[in-house]
N, C-alpha and C. Protein backbone atom coordinates (compact mmCIF):
# COMPACT_ATOMS: atom_id res chain seq x y z
N MET A 1 -12.66 -10.13 -26.79
CA MET A 1 -13.52 -10.94 -25.98
C MET A 1 -12.91 -11.09 -24.59
N ALA A 2 -13.78 -11.10 -23.60
CA ALA A 2 -13.37 -11.27 -22.22
C ALA A 2 -14.25 -12.35 -21.58
N LYS A 3 -13.71 -13.00 -20.55
CA LYS A 3 -14.44 -14.12 -19.95
C LYS A 3 -14.36 -14.08 -18.42
N VAL A 4 -15.39 -14.61 -17.82
CA VAL A 4 -15.36 -14.97 -16.41
C VAL A 4 -15.33 -16.49 -16.40
N ILE A 5 -14.32 -17.04 -15.75
CA ILE A 5 -14.17 -18.49 -15.65
C ILE A 5 -14.28 -18.87 -14.18
N VAL A 6 -15.22 -19.74 -13.87
CA VAL A 6 -15.44 -20.16 -12.49
C VAL A 6 -15.08 -21.64 -12.40
N ILE A 7 -14.14 -21.96 -11.52
CA ILE A 7 -13.65 -23.33 -11.41
C ILE A 7 -14.00 -23.88 -10.03
N TYR A 8 -14.74 -24.98 -10.04
CA TYR A 8 -15.19 -25.63 -8.81
C TYR A 8 -14.39 -26.90 -8.57
N LYS A 9 -13.98 -27.10 -7.33
CA LYS A 9 -13.39 -28.38 -6.96
C LYS A 9 -14.52 -29.38 -6.75
N LYS A 10 -14.15 -30.64 -6.65
CA LYS A 10 -15.14 -31.70 -6.51
C LYS A 10 -16.04 -31.43 -5.30
N PRO A 11 -17.36 -31.42 -5.52
CA PRO A 11 -18.29 -31.17 -4.41
C PRO A 11 -18.39 -32.39 -3.48
N THR A 12 -18.90 -32.13 -2.30
CA THR A 12 -19.08 -33.21 -1.32
C THR A 12 -20.21 -34.14 -1.75
N ASP A 13 -21.18 -33.61 -2.49
CA ASP A 13 -22.27 -34.42 -3.04
C ASP A 13 -22.44 -34.02 -4.51
N GLU A 14 -21.80 -34.78 -5.40
CA GLU A 14 -21.78 -34.42 -6.82
C GLU A 14 -23.17 -34.37 -7.43
N ALA A 15 -24.01 -35.33 -7.14
CA ALA A 15 -25.34 -35.39 -7.74
C ALA A 15 -26.19 -34.19 -7.34
N LYS A 16 -26.18 -33.85 -6.06
CA LYS A 16 -26.99 -32.71 -5.59
C LYS A 16 -26.43 -31.39 -6.11
N PHE A 17 -25.11 -31.26 -6.13
CA PHE A 17 -24.50 -30.05 -6.66
C PHE A 17 -24.87 -29.87 -8.13
N ARG A 18 -24.69 -30.92 -8.90
CA ARG A 18 -24.97 -30.84 -10.34
C ARG A 18 -26.44 -30.50 -10.60
N GLN A 19 -27.32 -31.14 -9.86
CA GLN A 19 -28.75 -30.88 -10.02
C GLN A 19 -29.06 -29.41 -9.68
N TYR A 20 -28.54 -28.93 -8.57
CA TYR A 20 -28.80 -27.54 -8.19
C TYR A 20 -28.21 -26.58 -9.21
N TYR A 21 -26.98 -26.83 -9.61
CA TYR A 21 -26.31 -25.93 -10.54
C TYR A 21 -27.06 -25.85 -11.86
N GLU A 22 -27.40 -27.00 -12.42
CA GLU A 22 -28.03 -27.05 -13.73
C GLU A 22 -29.50 -26.62 -13.72
N GLN A 23 -30.18 -26.83 -12.60
CA GLN A 23 -31.60 -26.50 -12.56
C GLN A 23 -31.91 -25.15 -11.93
N GLU A 24 -31.01 -24.64 -11.12
CA GLU A 24 -31.28 -23.38 -10.42
C GLU A 24 -30.27 -22.29 -10.76
N HIS A 25 -29.01 -22.56 -10.49
CA HIS A 25 -27.99 -21.53 -10.57
C HIS A 25 -27.79 -21.01 -11.99
N ILE A 26 -27.74 -21.90 -12.94
CA ILE A 26 -27.47 -21.47 -14.32
C ILE A 26 -28.59 -20.57 -14.85
N LYS A 27 -29.80 -20.75 -14.38
CA LYS A 27 -30.92 -19.89 -14.80
C LYS A 27 -30.67 -18.44 -14.38
N LEU A 28 -30.09 -18.25 -13.21
CA LEU A 28 -29.76 -16.90 -12.75
C LEU A 28 -28.61 -16.32 -13.57
N VAL A 29 -27.63 -17.14 -13.86
CA VAL A 29 -26.49 -16.69 -14.67
C VAL A 29 -26.98 -16.20 -16.03
N GLN A 30 -27.90 -16.93 -16.62
CA GLN A 30 -28.39 -16.60 -17.96
C GLN A 30 -29.14 -15.26 -18.00
N GLN A 31 -29.53 -14.74 -16.86
CA GLN A 31 -30.24 -13.46 -16.80
C GLN A 31 -29.29 -12.26 -16.69
N VAL A 32 -28.02 -12.51 -16.49
CA VAL A 32 -27.03 -11.44 -16.35
C VAL A 32 -26.88 -10.72 -17.69
N PRO A 33 -26.91 -9.39 -17.68
CA PRO A 33 -26.79 -8.65 -18.94
C PRO A 33 -25.41 -8.80 -19.57
N TYR A 34 -25.39 -8.65 -20.88
CA TYR A 34 -24.18 -8.61 -21.71
C TYR A 34 -23.50 -9.95 -21.94
N ILE A 35 -24.06 -11.04 -21.43
CA ILE A 35 -23.45 -12.34 -21.68
C ILE A 35 -23.67 -12.71 -23.14
N GLN A 36 -22.59 -13.11 -23.80
CA GLN A 36 -22.69 -13.57 -25.18
C GLN A 36 -22.84 -15.08 -25.24
N LYS A 37 -22.21 -15.76 -24.30
CA LYS A 37 -22.24 -17.22 -24.30
C LYS A 37 -21.83 -17.73 -22.92
N ALA A 38 -22.43 -18.83 -22.51
CA ALA A 38 -22.05 -19.47 -21.24
C ALA A 38 -21.94 -20.97 -21.47
N ASP A 39 -20.84 -21.55 -21.04
CA ASP A 39 -20.59 -22.98 -21.20
C ASP A 39 -20.27 -23.62 -19.86
N LEU A 40 -20.73 -24.85 -19.70
CA LEU A 40 -20.36 -25.67 -18.55
C LEU A 40 -19.50 -26.81 -19.05
N ASN A 41 -18.39 -27.03 -18.40
CA ASN A 41 -17.48 -28.11 -18.77
C ASN A 41 -17.14 -28.91 -17.53
N TYR A 42 -17.60 -30.17 -17.50
CA TYR A 42 -17.28 -31.04 -16.38
C TYR A 42 -15.89 -31.62 -16.61
N VAL A 43 -15.06 -31.51 -15.61
CA VAL A 43 -13.65 -31.89 -15.70
C VAL A 43 -13.52 -33.41 -15.63
N THR A 44 -12.84 -33.97 -16.61
CA THR A 44 -12.59 -35.41 -16.61
C THR A 44 -11.15 -35.73 -16.20
N ALA A 45 -10.26 -34.74 -16.29
CA ALA A 45 -8.88 -34.92 -15.85
C ALA A 45 -8.27 -33.55 -15.61
N ALA A 46 -7.41 -33.47 -14.61
CA ALA A 46 -6.66 -32.24 -14.31
C ALA A 46 -5.19 -32.62 -14.22
N LEU A 47 -4.41 -32.12 -15.15
CA LEU A 47 -3.00 -32.47 -15.22
C LEU A 47 -2.16 -31.50 -14.40
N ASN A 48 -1.03 -31.96 -13.93
CA ASN A 48 -0.05 -31.15 -13.20
C ASN A 48 -0.58 -30.59 -11.88
N THR A 49 -1.51 -31.30 -11.27
CA THR A 49 -2.05 -30.87 -9.98
C THR A 49 -2.57 -32.07 -9.21
N GLU A 50 -2.59 -31.94 -7.91
CA GLU A 50 -3.19 -32.96 -7.05
C GLU A 50 -4.64 -32.60 -6.72
N GLU A 51 -5.06 -31.40 -7.11
CA GLU A 51 -6.41 -30.94 -6.83
C GLU A 51 -7.44 -31.76 -7.62
N SER A 52 -8.61 -31.88 -7.06
CA SER A 52 -9.69 -32.62 -7.71
C SER A 52 -10.73 -31.63 -8.21
N TYR A 53 -10.60 -31.23 -9.47
CA TYR A 53 -11.52 -30.25 -10.05
C TYR A 53 -12.72 -30.95 -10.65
N TYR A 54 -13.86 -30.25 -10.63
CA TYR A 54 -15.12 -30.86 -11.03
C TYR A 54 -15.79 -30.14 -12.20
N LEU A 55 -15.83 -28.81 -12.14
CA LEU A 55 -16.57 -28.04 -13.13
C LEU A 55 -15.85 -26.74 -13.44
N ALA A 56 -15.82 -26.40 -14.73
CA ALA A 56 -15.32 -25.09 -15.16
C ALA A 56 -16.45 -24.44 -15.96
N ALA A 57 -16.95 -23.34 -15.43
CA ALA A 57 -18.00 -22.59 -16.13
C ALA A 57 -17.34 -21.38 -16.78
N THR A 58 -17.62 -21.18 -18.06
CA THR A 58 -17.03 -20.07 -18.81
C THR A 58 -18.15 -19.17 -19.31
N ILE A 59 -18.06 -17.89 -18.96
CA ILE A 59 -19.07 -16.91 -19.36
C ILE A 59 -18.37 -15.86 -20.20
N GLU A 60 -18.79 -15.74 -21.46
CA GLU A 60 -18.13 -14.83 -22.41
C GLU A 60 -18.88 -13.51 -22.53
N PHE A 61 -18.08 -12.45 -22.62
CA PHE A 61 -18.58 -11.09 -22.80
C PHE A 61 -17.82 -10.42 -23.95
N GLU A 62 -18.38 -9.37 -24.47
CA GLU A 62 -17.75 -8.62 -25.56
C GLU A 62 -16.42 -8.01 -25.14
N SER A 63 -16.36 -7.54 -23.89
CA SER A 63 -15.16 -6.83 -23.42
C SER A 63 -15.08 -6.87 -21.90
N LYS A 64 -13.92 -6.48 -21.40
CA LYS A 64 -13.73 -6.38 -19.95
C LYS A 64 -14.67 -5.31 -19.37
N GLN A 65 -14.92 -4.26 -20.13
CA GLN A 65 -15.87 -3.21 -19.69
C GLN A 65 -17.26 -3.81 -19.47
N ARG A 66 -17.69 -4.69 -20.39
CA ARG A 66 -19.00 -5.33 -20.25
C ARG A 66 -19.03 -6.24 -19.03
N ILE A 67 -17.92 -6.89 -18.73
CA ILE A 67 -17.86 -7.69 -17.50
C ILE A 67 -18.06 -6.78 -16.29
N SER A 68 -17.36 -5.66 -16.28
CA SER A 68 -17.49 -4.72 -15.15
C SER A 68 -18.94 -4.28 -14.97
N GLU A 69 -19.60 -3.98 -16.08
CA GLU A 69 -21.01 -3.57 -16.01
C GLU A 69 -21.89 -4.71 -15.52
N ALA A 70 -21.63 -5.92 -16.02
CA ALA A 70 -22.43 -7.08 -15.61
C ALA A 70 -22.24 -7.38 -14.12
N LEU A 71 -21.00 -7.26 -13.64
CA LEU A 71 -20.73 -7.56 -12.23
C LEU A 71 -21.38 -6.56 -11.28
N GLN A 72 -21.78 -5.41 -11.79
CA GLN A 72 -22.45 -4.40 -10.98
C GLN A 72 -23.97 -4.48 -11.10
N SER A 73 -24.47 -5.41 -11.88
CA SER A 73 -25.90 -5.50 -12.13
C SER A 73 -26.64 -6.20 -10.99
N PRO A 74 -27.93 -5.91 -10.84
CA PRO A 74 -28.75 -6.62 -9.85
C PRO A 74 -28.82 -8.13 -10.14
N GLU A 75 -28.74 -8.47 -11.42
CA GLU A 75 -28.79 -9.88 -11.80
C GLU A 75 -27.55 -10.63 -11.30
N TRP A 76 -26.38 -9.98 -11.39
CA TRP A 76 -25.16 -10.62 -10.87
C TRP A 76 -25.21 -10.72 -9.36
N ALA A 77 -25.82 -9.74 -8.72
CA ALA A 77 -25.98 -9.80 -7.27
C ALA A 77 -26.78 -11.04 -6.89
N LYS A 78 -27.79 -11.38 -7.67
CA LYS A 78 -28.58 -12.60 -7.41
C LYS A 78 -27.73 -13.85 -7.60
N VAL A 79 -26.87 -13.84 -8.61
CA VAL A 79 -25.97 -14.98 -8.84
C VAL A 79 -25.05 -15.15 -7.64
N THR A 80 -24.49 -14.06 -7.16
CA THR A 80 -23.58 -14.10 -6.00
C THR A 80 -24.30 -14.60 -4.75
N GLU A 81 -25.51 -14.10 -4.54
CA GLU A 81 -26.29 -14.56 -3.38
C GLU A 81 -26.58 -16.05 -3.49
N ASP A 82 -26.94 -16.50 -4.68
CA ASP A 82 -27.27 -17.91 -4.88
C ASP A 82 -26.05 -18.80 -4.72
N ALA A 83 -24.87 -18.28 -5.01
CA ALA A 83 -23.65 -19.07 -4.84
C ALA A 83 -23.51 -19.56 -3.40
N GLU A 84 -24.02 -18.80 -2.47
CA GLU A 84 -23.99 -19.22 -1.06
C GLU A 84 -24.78 -20.51 -0.87
N ASN A 85 -25.87 -20.68 -1.63
CA ASN A 85 -26.67 -21.90 -1.51
C ASN A 85 -25.89 -23.14 -1.93
N MET A 86 -24.95 -22.97 -2.85
CA MET A 86 -24.16 -24.11 -3.32
C MET A 86 -23.06 -24.51 -2.35
N MET A 87 -22.75 -23.64 -1.41
CA MET A 87 -21.67 -23.93 -0.47
C MET A 87 -21.97 -25.14 0.40
N GLU A 88 -23.24 -25.52 0.53
CA GLU A 88 -23.53 -26.74 1.30
C GLU A 88 -22.98 -27.98 0.61
N PHE A 89 -22.68 -27.87 -0.69
CA PHE A 89 -22.14 -29.00 -1.45
C PHE A 89 -20.64 -28.87 -1.69
N LEU A 90 -20.03 -27.78 -1.24
CA LEU A 90 -18.62 -27.50 -1.53
C LEU A 90 -17.83 -27.34 -0.24
N SER A 91 -16.56 -27.72 -0.27
CA SER A 91 -15.70 -27.54 0.90
C SER A 91 -15.00 -26.19 0.88
N GLU A 92 -15.01 -25.51 -0.29
CA GLU A 92 -14.43 -24.17 -0.39
C GLU A 92 -15.06 -23.44 -1.57
N PRO A 93 -15.02 -22.12 -1.57
CA PRO A 93 -15.59 -21.36 -2.69
C PRO A 93 -14.83 -21.64 -3.99
N PRO A 94 -15.49 -21.44 -5.11
CA PRO A 94 -14.81 -21.67 -6.39
C PRO A 94 -13.79 -20.58 -6.68
N LEU A 95 -12.88 -20.89 -7.56
CA LEU A 95 -11.91 -19.93 -8.07
C LEU A 95 -12.58 -19.17 -9.20
N VAL A 96 -12.51 -17.84 -9.18
CA VAL A 96 -13.11 -17.02 -10.24
C VAL A 96 -12.00 -16.25 -10.93
N LEU A 97 -11.90 -16.44 -12.25
CA LEU A 97 -10.90 -15.77 -13.07
C LEU A 97 -11.59 -14.84 -14.06
N ILE A 98 -11.00 -13.68 -14.30
CA ILE A 98 -11.46 -12.78 -15.33
C ILE A 98 -10.34 -12.67 -16.34
N THR A 99 -10.65 -12.97 -17.59
CA THR A 99 -9.62 -12.98 -18.65
C THR A 99 -10.03 -12.10 -19.81
N GLU A 100 -9.03 -11.73 -20.60
CA GLU A 100 -9.33 -11.04 -21.87
C GLU A 100 -8.30 -11.38 -22.89
């Protein structure tokens, strides 16, 4: 199993960010091919850091190869384009990790 993990710091407007993410952005994510599961986890505490984290989104795939294929899809391109819309609520882009 392989994952894309997207970690967002606290947005400048939490309510608007959450509403946009849950009502708009996640719908695009769900259209990406090869996704087995997608979870949203709102951060309640971050240990060993001074950073203020807000959301960790985890997207599971069968393999790293499937992630590569998904990242090249037109559906992922839409997700990436839409991420720009969320930047009005964020002071910096999210951290994106690929794991296996």
